[in-house]
Amino acid sequence: MTDTHEPQDPTGDSRIQRVPDAILKTLNTFDAHTRRKQTCLACGYVGIMGIEDELHPWWLSWWCIALVTVFGSLFMGAGLVIGGILIGLRFFGEFDTLVLVCPNCEEAYEQD
């Protein structure tokens, strides 16, 4: 009788590797994970990592967008358009940096 917790391959190939429970436990503490495998330079772990934080450039921070929008609309008249463009760049642009954490050694890395 096979254990139901073990991954099964319909072709009978035994190359499927189970992720250790300690790593799964650490990965479950994160709200988001990487989609591709990453390599930890500290311990050599290769696999998905947890995403701890997203860092945005200062010009895409909420306070900067608010200042540009308010002062731009008062003095230039185009502040709402510029503020809208900045909000669009914040959500749809790829200017953010991810802080990744290795589930094996818990070392944090910044990835552009």
PDB file of N, CA and C in Angstrom:
ATOM      1  N   MET A   1       0.844  -1.170   0.000  1.00  0.00           N
ATOM      2  CA  MET A   1       0.000   0.000   0.000  1.00  0.00           C
ATOM      3  C   MET A   1       0.894   1.240   0.000  1.00  0.00           C
ATOM      4  N   THR A   2       0.594   2.216  -0.872  1.00  0.00           N
ATOM      5  CA  THR A   2       1.409   3.413  -0.952  1.00  0.00           C
ATOM      6  C   THR A   2       0.868   4.493  -0.028  1.00  0.00           C
ATOM      7  N   ASP A   3       1.787   5.309   0.455  1.00  0.00           N
ATOM      8  CA  ASP A   3       1.422   6.422   1.316  1.00  0.00           C
ATOM      9  C   ASP A   3       0.786   7.515   0.460  1.00  0.00           C
ATOM     10  N   THR A   4      -0.337   8.064   0.872  1.00  0.00           N
ATOM     11  CA  THR A   4      -1.052   9.063   0.076  1.00  0.00           C
ATOM     12  C   THR A   4      -0.356  10.414   0.091  1.00  0.00           C
ATOM     13  N   HIS A   5       0.601  10.612   0.981  1.00  0.00           N
ATOM     14  CA  HIS A   5       1.299  11.883   1.054  1.00  0.00           C
ATOM     15  C   HIS A   5       2.486  11.954   0.093  1.00  0.00           C
ATOM     16  N   GLU A   6       2.903  10.847  -0.438  1.00  0.00           N
ATOM     17  CA  GLU A   6       4.024  10.823  -1.364  1.00  0.00           C
ATOM     18  C   GLU A   6       3.545  11.181  -2.770  1.00  0.00           C
ATOM     19  N   PRO A   7       4.291  12.021  -3.511  1.00  0.00           N
ATOM     20  CA  PRO A   7       3.899  12.351  -4.882  1.00  0.00           C
ATOM     21  C   PRO A   7       3.994  11.118  -5.767  1.00  0.00           C
ATOM     22  N   GLN A   8       3.036  10.972  -6.640  1.00  0.00           N
ATOM     23  CA  GLN A   8       2.992   9.820  -7.526  1.00  0.00           C
ATOM     24  C   GLN A   8       3.195  10.268  -8.968  1.00  0.00           C
ATOM     25  N   ASP A   9       3.957   9.498  -9.719  1.00  0.00           N
ATOM     26  CA  ASP A   9       4.164   9.767 -11.135  1.00  0.00           C
ATOM     27  C   ASP A   9       3.457   8.672 -11.914  1.00  0.00           C
ATOM     28  N   PRO A  10       2.524   9.012 -12.812  1.00  0.00           N
ATOM     29  CA  PRO A  10       1.789   7.987 -13.538  1.00  0.00           C
ATOM     30  C   PRO A  10       2.668   7.127 -14.440  1.00  0.00           C
ATOM     31  N   THR A  11       3.851   7.622 -14.837  1.00  0.00           N
ATOM     32  CA  THR A  11       4.721   6.837 -15.707  1.00  0.00           C
ATOM     33  C   THR A  11       5.603   5.878 -14.924  1.00  0.00           C
ATOM     34  N   GLY A  12       5.568   5.959 -13.597  1.00  0.00           N
ATOM     35  CA  GLY A  12       6.390   5.073 -12.779  1.00  0.00           C
ATOM     36  C   GLY A  12       7.804   5.581 -12.597  1.00  0.00           C
ATOM     37  N   ASP A  13       8.081   6.805 -13.041  1.00  0.00           N
ATOM     38  CA  ASP A  13       9.414   7.390 -12.915  1.00  0.00           C
ATOM     39  C   ASP A  13       9.635   7.801 -11.464  1.00  0.00           C
ATOM     40  N   SER A  14      10.744   7.413 -10.888  1.00  0.00           N
ATOM     41  CA  SER A  14      11.000   7.680  -9.474  1.00  0.00           C
ATOM     42  C   SER A  14      11.876   8.917  -9.262  1.00  0.00           C
ATOM     43  N   ARG A  15      12.002   9.805 -10.265  1.00  0.00           N
ATOM     44  CA  ARG A  15      12.847  10.982 -10.136  1.00  0.00           C
ATOM     45  C   ARG A  15      12.146  12.147  -9.437  1.00  0.00           C
ATOM     46  N   ILE A  16      10.887  12.002  -9.092  1.00  0.00           N
ATOM     47  CA  ILE A  16      10.187  13.070  -8.390  1.00  0.00           C
ATOM     48  C   ILE A  16      10.750  13.156  -6.992  1.00  0.00           C
ATOM     49  N   GLN A  17      11.160  14.382  -6.613  1.00  0.00           N
ATOM     50  CA  GLN A  17      11.735  14.576  -5.291  1.00  0.00           C
ATOM     51  C   GLN A  17      10.756  15.338  -4.424  1.00  0.00           C
ATOM     52  N   ARG A  18      10.645  14.922  -3.207  1.00  0.00           N
ATOM     53  CA  ARG A  18       9.749  15.568  -2.255  1.00  0.00           C
ATOM     54  C   ARG A  18      10.511  16.680  -1.545  1.00  0.00           C
ATOM     55  N   VAL A  19       9.858  17.836  -1.399  1.00  0.00           N
ATOM     56  CA  VAL A  19      10.469  18.966  -0.710  1.00  0.00           C
ATOM     57  C   VAL A  19      10.474  18.655   0.783  1.00  0.00           C
ATOM     58  N   PRO A  20      11.598  18.865   1.460  1.00  0.00           N
ATOM     59  CA  PRO A  20      11.663  18.583   2.898  1.00  0.00           C
ATOM     60  C   PRO A  20      10.630  19.398   3.685  1.00  0.00           C
ATOM     61  N   ASP A  21      10.122  18.798   4.753  1.00  0.00           N
ATOM     62  CA  ASP A  21       9.072  19.434   5.557  1.00  0.00           C
ATOM     63  C   ASP A  21       9.521  20.753   6.172  1.00  0.00           C
ATOM     64  N   ALA A  22      10.788  20.862   6.564  1.00  0.00           N
ATOM     65  CA  ALA A  22      11.279  22.106   7.172  1.00  0.00           C
ATOM     66  C   ALA A  22      11.213  23.261   6.170  1.00  0.00           C
ATOM     67  N   ILE A  23      11.537  22.999   4.911  1.00  0.00           N
ATOM     68  CA  ILE A  23      11.485  24.043   3.884  1.00  0.00           C
ATOM     69  C   ILE A  23      10.036  24.408   3.580  1.00  0.00           C
ATOM     70  N   LEU A  24       9.156  23.410   3.491  1.00  0.00           N
ATOM     71  CA  LEU A  24       7.733  23.692   3.267  1.00  0.00           C
ATOM     72  C   LEU A  24       7.147  24.531   4.399  1.00  0.00           C
ATOM     73  N   LYS A  25       7.546  24.228   5.614  1.00  0.00           N
ATOM     74  CA  LYS A  25       7.050  24.971   6.773  1.00  0.00           C
ATOM     75  C   LYS A  25       7.484  26.432   6.699  1.00  0.00           C
ATOM     76  N   THR A  26       8.736  26.658   6.299  1.00  0.00           N
ATOM     77  CA  THR A  26       9.234  28.026   6.163  1.00  0.00           C
ATOM     78  C   THR A  26       8.546  28.748   5.012  1.00  0.00           C
ATOM     79  N   LEU A  27       8.341  28.077   3.876  1.00  0.00           N
ATOM     80  CA  LEU A  27       7.686  28.701   2.725  1.00  0.00           C
ATOM     81  C   LEU A  27       6.230  29.059   3.031  1.00  0.00           C
ATOM     82  N   ASN A  28       5.584  28.302   3.886  1.00  0.00           N
ATOM     83  CA  ASN A  28       4.187  28.585   4.232  1.00  0.00           C
ATOM     84  C   ASN A  28       4.022  29.858   5.047  1.00  0.00           C
ATOM     85  N   THR A  29       5.094  30.399   5.598  1.00  0.00           N
ATOM     86  CA  THR A  29       4.988  31.635   6.373  1.00  0.00           C
ATOM     87  C   THR A  29       4.908  32.874   5.480  1.00  0.00           C
ATOM     88  N   PHE A  30       5.193  32.749   4.188  1.00  0.00           N
ATOM     89  CA  PHE A  30       5.177  33.882   3.261  1.00  0.00           C
ATOM     90  C   PHE A  30       3.851  33.943   2.519  1.00  0.00           C
ATOM     91  N   ASP A  31       3.426  35.162   2.210  1.00  0.00           N
ATOM     92  CA  ASP A  31       2.197  35.358   1.444  1.00  0.00           C
ATOM     93  C   ASP A  31       2.413  35.122  -0.042  1.00  0.00           C
ATOM     94  N   ALA A  32       3.627  35.370  -0.537  1.00  0.00           N
ATOM     95  CA  ALA A  32       3.922  35.215  -1.960  1.00  0.00           C
ATOM     96  C   ALA A  32       5.256  34.491  -2.122  1.00  0.00           C
ATOM     97  N   HIS A  33       5.406  33.820  -3.279  1.00  0.00           N
ATOM     98  CA  HIS A  33       6.616  33.057  -3.580  1.00  0.00           C
ATOM     99  C   HIS A  33       7.062  33.362  -5.001  1.00  0.00           C
ATOM    100  N   THR A  34       8.329  33.065  -5.293  1.00  0.00           N
ATOM    101  CA  THR A  34       8.828  33.238  -6.648  1.00  0.00           C
ATOM    102  C   THR A  34       8.213  32.184  -7.552  1.00  0.00           C
ATOM    103  N   ARG A  35       8.111  32.495  -8.814  1.00  0.00           N
ATOM    104  CA  ARG A  35       7.560  31.531  -9.774  1.00  0.00           C
ATOM    105  C   ARG A  35       8.642  30.628 -10.353  1.00  0.00           C
ATOM    106  N   ARG A  36       9.865  31.146 -10.373  1.00  0.00           N
ATOM    107  CA  ARG A  36      10.983  30.371 -10.906  1.00  0.00           C
ATOM    108  C   ARG A  36      11.919  29.966  -9.780  1.00  0.00           C
ATOM    109  N   LYS A  37      12.724  28.972 -10.059  1.00  0.00           N
ATOM    110  CA  LYS A  37      13.713  28.538  -9.074  1.00  0.00           C
ATOM    111  C   LYS A  37      14.817  29.579  -8.969  1.00  0.00           C
ATOM    112  N   GLN A  38      15.226  29.852  -7.756  1.00  0.00           N
ATOM    113  CA  GLN A  38      16.309  30.774  -7.467  1.00  0.00           C
ATOM    114  C   GLN A  38      17.418  30.013  -6.756  1.00  0.00           C
ATOM    115  N   THR A  39      18.627  30.518  -6.814  1.00  0.00           N
ATOM    116  CA  THR A  39      19.756  29.900  -6.143  1.00  0.00           C
ATOM    117  C   THR A  39      20.218  30.799  -5.003  1.00  0.00           C
ATOM    118  N   CYS A  40      20.329  30.232  -3.817  1.00  0.00           N
ATOM    119  CA  CYS A  40      20.830  30.968  -2.656  1.00  0.00           C
ATOM    120  C   CYS A  40      22.355  30.926  -2.704  1.00  0.00           C
ATOM    121  N   LEU A  41      22.969  32.098  -2.637  1.00  0.00           N
ATOM    122  CA  LEU A  41      24.424  32.170  -2.690  1.00  0.00           C
ATOM    123  C   LEU A  41      25.073  31.831  -1.357  1.00  0.00           C
ATOM    124  N   ALA A  42      24.291  31.795  -0.283  1.00  0.00           N
ATOM    125  CA  ALA A  42      24.852  31.495   1.035  1.00  0.00           C
ATOM    126  C   ALA A  42      24.930  29.993   1.290  1.00  0.00           C
ATOM    127  N   CYS A  43      23.846  29.270   0.968  1.00  0.00           N
ATOM    128  CA  CYS A  43      23.823  27.840   1.312  1.00  0.00           C
ATOM    129  C   CYS A  43      23.744  26.916   0.106  1.00  0.00           C
ATOM    130  N   GLY A  44      23.486  27.456  -1.093  1.00  0.00           N
ATOM    131  CA  GLY A  44      23.419  26.634  -2.290  1.00  0.00           C
ATOM    132  C   GLY A  44      22.048  26.052  -2.580  1.00  0.00           C
ATOM    133  N   TYR A  45      21.023  26.422  -1.814  1.00  0.00           N
ATOM    134  CA  TYR A  45      19.659  25.945  -2.052  1.00  0.00           C
ATOM    135  C   TYR A  45      19.186  26.407  -3.423  1.00  0.00           C
ATOM    136  N   VAL A  46      18.535  25.503  -4.166  1.00  0.00           N
ATOM    137  CA  VAL A  46      17.945  25.836  -5.459  1.00  0.00           C
ATOM    138  C   VAL A  46      16.470  25.483  -5.392  1.00  0.00           C
ATOM    139  N   GLY A  47      15.602  26.470  -5.586  1.00  0.00           N
ATOM    140  CA  GLY A  47      14.168  26.245  -5.548  1.00  0.00           C
ATOM    141  C   GLY A  47      13.432  27.562  -5.393  1.00  0.00           C
ATOM    142  N   ILE A  48      12.143  27.465  -5.100  1.00  0.00           N
ATOM    143  CA  ILE A  48      11.373  28.687  -4.931  1.00  0.00           C
ATOM    144  C   ILE A  48      11.720  29.336  -3.598  1.00  0.00           C
ATOM    145  N   MET A  49      11.587  30.651  -3.556  1.00  0.00           N
ATOM    146  CA  MET A  49      11.891  31.406  -2.347  1.00  0.00           C
ATOM    147  C   MET A  49      10.682  32.251  -1.972  1.00  0.00           C
ATOM    148  N   GLY A  50      10.631  32.642  -0.723  1.00  0.00           N
ATOM    149  CA  GLY A  50       9.554  33.491  -0.250  1.00  0.00           C
ATOM    150  C   GLY A  50       9.833  34.950  -0.569  1.00  0.00           C
ATOM    151  N   ILE A  51       8.777  35.699  -0.890  1.00  0.00           N
ATOM    152  CA  ILE A  51       8.907  37.132  -1.148  1.00  0.00           C
ATOM    153  C   ILE A  51       8.510  37.861   0.122  1.00  0.00           C
ATOM    154  N   GLU A  52       9.480  38.542   0.726  1.00  0.00           N
ATOM    155  CA  GLU A  52       9.247  39.232   1.991  1.00  0.00           C
ATOM    156  C   GLU A  52       8.685  40.632   1.792  1.00  0.00           C
ATOM    157  N   ASP A  53       9.173  41.339   0.767  1.00  0.00           N
ATOM    158  CA  ASP A  53       8.752  42.724   0.583  1.00  0.00           C
ATOM    159  C   ASP A  53       8.971  43.140  -0.863  1.00  0.00           C
ATOM    160  N   GLU A  54       8.264  44.197  -1.285  1.00  0.00           N
ATOM    161  CA  GLU A  54       8.455  44.823  -2.583  1.00  0.00           C
ATOM    162  C   GLU A  54       8.909  46.248  -2.347  1.00  0.00           C
ATOM    163  N   LEU A  55      10.047  46.606  -2.896  1.00  0.00           N
ATOM    164  CA  LEU A  55      10.581  47.953  -2.736  1.00  0.00           C
ATOM    165  C   LEU A  55      10.366  48.730  -4.033  1.00  0.00           C
ATOM    166  N   HIS A  56       9.793  49.929  -3.913  1.00  0.00           N
ATOM    167  CA  HIS A  56       9.545  50.786  -5.066  1.00  0.00           C
ATOM    168  C   HIS A  56      10.541  51.937  -5.046  1.00  0.00           C
ATOM    169  N   PRO A  57      10.890  52.491  -6.221  1.00  0.00           N
ATOM    170  CA  PRO A  57      11.751  53.678  -6.234  1.00  0.00           C
ATOM    171  C   PRO A  57      11.047  54.861  -5.563  1.00  0.00           C
ATOM    172  N   TRP A  58      11.812  55.824  -5.077  1.00  0.00           N
ATOM    173  CA  TRP A  58      11.231  56.942  -4.333  1.00  0.00           C
ATOM    174  C   TRP A  58      10.222  57.712  -5.172  1.00  0.00           C
ATOM    175  N   TRP A  59      10.436  57.819  -6.463  1.00  0.00           N
ATOM    176  CA  TRP A  59       9.536  58.597  -7.306  1.00  0.00           C
ATOM    177  C   TRP A  59       8.217  57.868  -7.592  1.00  0.00           C
ATOM    178  N   LEU A  60       8.094  56.614  -7.151  1.00  0.00           N
ATOM    179  CA  LEU A  60       6.823  55.888  -7.252  1.00  0.00           C
ATOM    180  C   LEU A  60       6.210  55.633  -5.880  1.00  0.00           C
ATOM    181  N   SER A  61       6.706  56.318  -4.850  1.00  0.00           N
ATOM    182  CA  SER A  61       6.108  56.177  -3.521  1.00  0.00           C
ATOM    183  C   SER A  61       4.830  57.016  -3.471  1.00  0.00           C
ATOM    184  N   TRP A  62       3.944  56.645  -2.561  1.00  0.00           N
ATOM    185  CA  TRP A  62       2.640  57.318  -2.490  1.00  0.00           C
ATOM    186  C   TRP A  62       2.782  58.792  -2.129  1.00  0.00           C
ATOM    187  N   TRP A  63       3.728  59.123  -1.256  1.00  0.00           N
ATOM    188  CA  TRP A  63       3.878  60.524  -0.887  1.00  0.00           C
ATOM    189  C   TRP A  63       4.344  61.365  -2.061  1.00  0.00           C
ATOM    190  N   CYS A  64       5.222  60.828  -2.898  1.00  0.00           N
ATOM    191  CA  CYS A  64       5.708  61.561  -4.065  1.00  0.00           C
ATOM    192  C   CYS A  64       4.591  61.726  -5.096  1.00  0.00           C
ATOM    193  N   ILE A  65       3.814  60.684  -5.318  1.00  0.00           N
ATOM    194  CA  ILE A  65       2.696  60.776  -6.256  1.00  0.00           C
ATOM    195  C   ILE A  65       1.680  61.806  -5.776  1.00  0.00           C
ATOM    196  N   ALA A  66       1.396  61.820  -4.463  1.00  0.00           N
ATOM    197  CA  ALA A  66       0.445  62.792  -3.915  1.00  0.00           C
ATOM    198  C   ALA A  66       0.969  64.216  -4.071  1.00  0.00           C
ATOM    199  N   LEU A  67       2.260  64.434  -3.777  1.00  0.00           N
ATOM    200  CA  LEU A  67       2.837  65.775  -3.918  1.00  0.00           C
ATOM    201  C   LEU A  67       2.807  66.258  -5.365  1.00  0.00           C
ATOM    202  N   VAL A  68       3.189  65.394  -6.290  1.00  0.00           N
ATOM    203  CA  VAL A  68       3.192  65.768  -7.708  1.00  0.00           C
ATOM    204  C   VAL A  68       1.777  66.080  -8.177  1.00  0.00           C
ATOM    205  N   THR A  69       0.815  65.272  -7.747  1.00  0.00           N
ATOM    206  CA  THR A  69      -0.568  65.478  -8.166  1.00  0.00           C
ATOM    207  C   THR A  69      -1.136  66.787  -7.621  1.00  0.00           C
ATOM    208  N   VAL A  70      -0.938  67.031  -6.326  1.00  0.00           N
ATOM    209  CA  VAL A  70      -1.504  68.236  -5.706  1.00  0.00           C
ATOM    210  C   VAL A  70      -0.825  69.496  -6.226  1.00  0.00           C
ATOM    211  N   PHE A  71       0.508  69.554  -6.134  1.00  0.00           N
ATOM    212  CA  PHE A  71       1.198  70.769  -6.562  1.00  0.00           C
ATOM    213  C   PHE A  71       1.155  70.944  -8.078  1.00  0.00           C
ATOM    214  N   GLY A  72       1.176  69.841  -8.794  1.00  0.00           N
ATOM    215  CA  GLY A  72       1.078  69.936 -10.250  1.00  0.00           C
ATOM    216  C   GLY A  72      -0.270  70.444 -10.704  1.00  0.00           C
ATOM    217  N   SER A  73      -1.328  70.050 -10.017  1.00  0.00           N
ATOM    218  CA  SER A  73      -2.657  70.535 -10.410  1.00  0.00           C
ATOM    219  C   SER A  73      -2.859  71.987 -10.002  1.00  0.00           C
ATOM    220  N   LEU A  74      -2.199  72.434  -8.928  1.00  0.00           N
ATOM    221  CA  LEU A  74      -2.322  73.834  -8.508  1.00  0.00           C
ATOM    222  C   LEU A  74      -1.534  74.780  -9.403  1.00  0.00           C
ATOM    223  N   PHE A  75      -0.323  74.382  -9.789  1.00  0.00           N
ATOM    224  CA  PHE A  75       0.550  75.298 -10.508  1.00  0.00           C
ATOM    225  C   PHE A  75       0.625  75.041 -12.015  1.00  0.00           C
ATOM    226  N   MET A  76       0.526  73.785 -12.424  1.00  0.00           N
ATOM    227  CA  MET A  76       0.681  73.499 -13.854  1.00  0.00           C
ATOM    228  C   MET A  76      -0.644  73.150 -14.528  1.00  0.00           C
ATOM    229  N   GLY A  77      -1.567  72.622 -13.783  1.00  0.00           N
ATOM    230  CA  GLY A  77      -2.829  72.194 -14.380  1.00  0.00           C
ATOM    231  C   GLY A  77      -2.775  70.789 -14.941  1.00  0.00           C
ATOM    232  N   ALA A  78      -1.610  70.200 -15.032  1.00  0.00           N
ATOM    233  CA  ALA A  78      -1.468  68.855 -15.581  1.00  0.00           C
ATOM    234  C   ALA A  78      -1.106  67.845 -14.499  1.00  0.00           C
ATOM    235  N   GLY A  79      -1.245  68.242 -13.235  1.00  0.00           N
ATOM    236  CA  GLY A  79      -0.851  67.370 -12.132  1.00  0.00           C
ATOM    237  C   GLY A  79      -1.642  66.083 -12.061  1.00  0.00           C
ATOM    238  N   LEU A  80      -2.937  66.150 -12.395  1.00  0.00           N
ATOM    239  CA  LEU A  80      -3.749  64.925 -12.359  1.00  0.00           C
ATOM    240  C   LEU A  80      -3.296  63.938 -13.421  1.00  0.00           C
ATOM    241  N   VAL A  81      -2.929  64.450 -14.585  1.00  0.00           N
ATOM    242  CA  VAL A  81      -2.447  63.567 -15.655  1.00  0.00           C
ATOM    243  C   VAL A  81      -1.110  62.938 -15.257  1.00  0.00           C
ATOM    244  N   ILE A  82      -0.210  63.765 -14.741  1.00  0.00           N
ATOM    245  CA  ILE A  82       1.104  63.248 -14.320  1.00  0.00           C
ATOM    246  C   ILE A  82       0.938  62.260 -13.162  1.00  0.00           C
ATOM    247  N   GLY A  83       0.069  62.583 -12.189  1.00  0.00           N
ATOM    248  CA  GLY A  83      -0.195  61.657 -11.083  1.00  0.00           C
ATOM    249  C   GLY A  83      -0.778  60.342 -11.570  1.00  0.00           C
ATOM    250  N   GLY A  84      -1.675  60.407 -12.553  1.00  0.00           N
ATOM    251  CA  GLY A  84      -2.244  59.182 -13.129  1.00  0.00           C
ATOM    252  C   GLY A  84      -1.200  58.333 -13.824  1.00  0.00           C
ATOM    253  N   ILE A  85      -0.293  58.989 -14.518  1.00  0.00           N
ATOM    254  CA  ILE A  85       0.798  58.268 -15.183  1.00  0.00           C
ATOM    255  C   ILE A  85       1.686  57.582 -14.148  1.00  0.00           C
ATOM    256  N   LEU A  86       2.002  58.302 -13.059  1.00  0.00           N
ATOM    257  CA  LEU A  86       2.841  57.704 -12.008  1.00  0.00           C
ATOM    258  C   LEU A  86       2.147  56.515 -11.340  1.00  0.00           C
ATOM    259  N   ILE A  87       0.840  56.617 -11.107  1.00  0.00           N
ATOM    260  CA  ILE A  87       0.099  55.483 -10.520  1.00  0.00           C
ATOM    261  C   ILE A  87       0.119  54.293 -11.474  1.00  0.00           C
ATOM    262  N   GLY A  88      -0.058  54.563 -12.766  1.00  0.00           N
ATOM    263  CA  GLY A  88       0.018  53.481 -13.754  1.00  0.00           C
ATOM    264  C   GLY A  88       1.386  52.827 -13.780  1.00  0.00           C
ATOM    265  N   LEU A  89       2.445  53.635 -13.691  1.00  0.00           N
ATOM    266  CA  LEU A  89       3.802  53.083 -13.659  1.00  0.00           C
ATOM    267  C   LEU A  89       4.040  52.261 -12.398  1.00  0.00           C
ATOM    268  N   ARG A  90       3.464  52.707 -11.286  1.00  0.00           N
ATOM    269  CA  ARG A  90       3.640  51.959 -10.025  1.00  0.00           C
ATOM    270  C   ARG A  90       3.037  50.568 -10.120  1.00  0.00           C
ATOM    271  N   PHE A  91       1.864  50.465 -10.734  1.00  0.00           N
ATOM    272  CA  PHE A  91       1.185  49.174 -10.782  1.00  0.00           C
ATOM    273  C   PHE A  91       1.584  48.313 -11.977  1.00  0.00           C
ATOM    274  N   PHE A  92       1.852  48.939 -13.118  1.00  0.00           N
ATOM    275  CA  PHE A  92       2.096  48.151 -14.322  1.00  0.00           C
ATOM    276  C   PHE A  92       3.538  48.194 -14.802  1.00  0.00           C
ATOM    277  N   GLY A  93       4.342  49.097 -14.273  1.00  0.00           N
ATOM    278  CA  GLY A  93       5.752  49.158 -14.647  1.00  0.00           C
ATOM    279  C   GLY A  93       6.559  48.134 -13.862  1.00  0.00           C
ATOM    280  N   GLU A  94       7.703  47.838 -14.355  1.00  0.00           N
ATOM    281  CA  GLU A  94       8.562  46.864 -13.683  1.00  0.00           C
ATOM    282  C   GLU A  94       9.763  47.580 -13.076  1.00  0.00           C
ATOM    283  N   PHE A  95       9.468  48.435 -12.106  1.00  0.00           N
ATOM    284  CA  PHE A  95      10.510  49.214 -11.452  1.00  0.00           C
ATOM    285  C   PHE A  95      10.765  48.751 -10.025  1.00  0.00           C
ATOM    286  N   ASP A  96      10.029  47.755  -9.574  1.00  0.00           N
ATOM    287  CA  ASP A  96      10.146  47.340  -8.175  1.00  0.00           C
ATOM    288  C   ASP A  96      11.271  46.326  -7.975  1.00  0.00           C
ATOM    289  N   THR A  97      11.741  46.256  -6.747  1.00  0.00           N
ATOM    290  CA  THR A  97      12.764  45.304  -6.341  1.00  0.00           C
ATOM    291  C   THR A  97      12.145  44.371  -5.308  1.00  0.00           C
ATOM    292  N   LEU A  98      12.334  43.069  -5.486  1.00  0.00           N
ATOM    293  CA  LEU A  98      11.790  42.090  -4.554  1.00  0.00           C
ATOM    294  C   LEU A  98      12.836  41.711  -3.514  1.00  0.00           C
ATOM    295  N   VAL A  99      12.394  41.559  -2.277  1.00  0.00           N
ATOM    296  CA  VAL A  99      13.266  41.049  -1.219  1.00  0.00           C
ATOM    297  C   VAL A  99      12.908  39.576  -1.053  1.00  0.00           C
ATOM    298  N   LEU A 100      13.817  38.696  -1.481  1.00  0.00           N
ATOM    299  CA  LEU A 100      13.604  37.246  -1.428  1.00  0.00           C
ATOM    300  C   LEU A 100      14.285  36.668  -0.195  1.00  0.00           C
ATOM    301  N   VAL A 101      13.655  35.653   0.396  1.00  0.00           N
ATOM    302  CA  VAL A 101      14.225  34.993   1.569  1.00  0.00           C
ATOM    303  C   VAL A 101      14.366  33.508   1.261  1.00  0.00           C
ATOM    304  N   CYS A 102      15.567  32.983   1.480  1.00  0.00           N
ATOM    305  CA  CYS A 102      15.837  31.558   1.278  1.00  0.00           C
ATOM    306  C   CYS A 102      15.150  30.763   2.385  1.00  0.00           C
ATOM    307  N   PRO A 103      14.359  29.744   2.034  1.00  0.00           N
ATOM    308  CA  PRO A 103      13.690  28.963   3.069  1.00  0.00           C
ATOM    309  C   PRO A 103      14.618  28.008   3.810  1.00  0.00           C
ATOM    310  N   ASN A 104      15.824  27.817   3.307  1.00  0.00           N
ATOM    311  CA  ASN A 104      16.751  26.892   3.937  1.00  0.00           C
ATOM    312  C   ASN A 104      17.593  27.580   5.011  1.00  0.00           C
ATOM    313  N   CYS A 105      18.212  28.726   4.657  1.00  0.00           N
ATOM    314  CA  CYS A 105      19.091  29.416   5.617  1.00  0.00           C
ATOM    315  C   CYS A 105      18.522  30.759   6.070  1.00  0.00           C
ATOM    316  N   GLU A 106      17.406  31.182   5.502  1.00  0.00           N
ATOM    317  CA  GLU A 106      16.699  32.421   5.826  1.00  0.00           C
ATOM    318  C   GLU A 106      17.524  33.675   5.542  1.00  0.00           C
ATOM    319  N   GLU A 107      18.404  33.590   4.561  1.00  0.00           N
ATOM    320  CA  GLU A 107      19.174  34.742   4.094  1.00  0.00           C
ATOM    321  C   GLU A 107      18.286  35.564   3.163  1.00  0.00           C
ATOM    322  N   ALA A 108      18.324  36.891   3.274  1.00  0.00           N
ATOM    323  CA  ALA A 108      17.501  37.775   2.455  1.00  0.00           C
ATOM    324  C   ALA A 108      18.335  38.349   1.306  1.00  0.00           C
ATOM    325  N   TYR A 109      17.728  38.444   0.126  1.00  0.00           N
ATOM    326  CA  TYR A 109      18.380  38.984  -1.063  1.00  0.00           C
ATOM    327  C   TYR A 109      17.440  39.984  -1.725  1.00  0.00           C
ATOM    328  N   GLU A 110      18.013  40.974  -2.390  1.00  0.00           N
ATOM    329  CA  GLU A 110      17.237  41.892  -3.215  1.00  0.00           C
ATOM    330  C   GLU A 110      17.411  41.490  -4.656  1.00  0.00           C
ATOM    331  N   GLN A 111      16.274  41.362  -5.361  1.00  0.00           N
ATOM    332  CA  GLN A 111      16.316  40.976  -6.768  1.00  0.00           C
ATOM    333  C   GLN A 111      15.596  42.043  -7.582  1.00  0.00           C
ATOM    334  N   ASP A 112      16.273  42.584  -8.602  1.00  0.00           N
ATOM    335  CA  ASP A 112      15.675  43.609  -9.469  1.00  0.00           C
ATOM    336  C   ASP A 112      14.715  42.974 -10.439  1.00  0.00           C
TER     337      ASP A 112
END
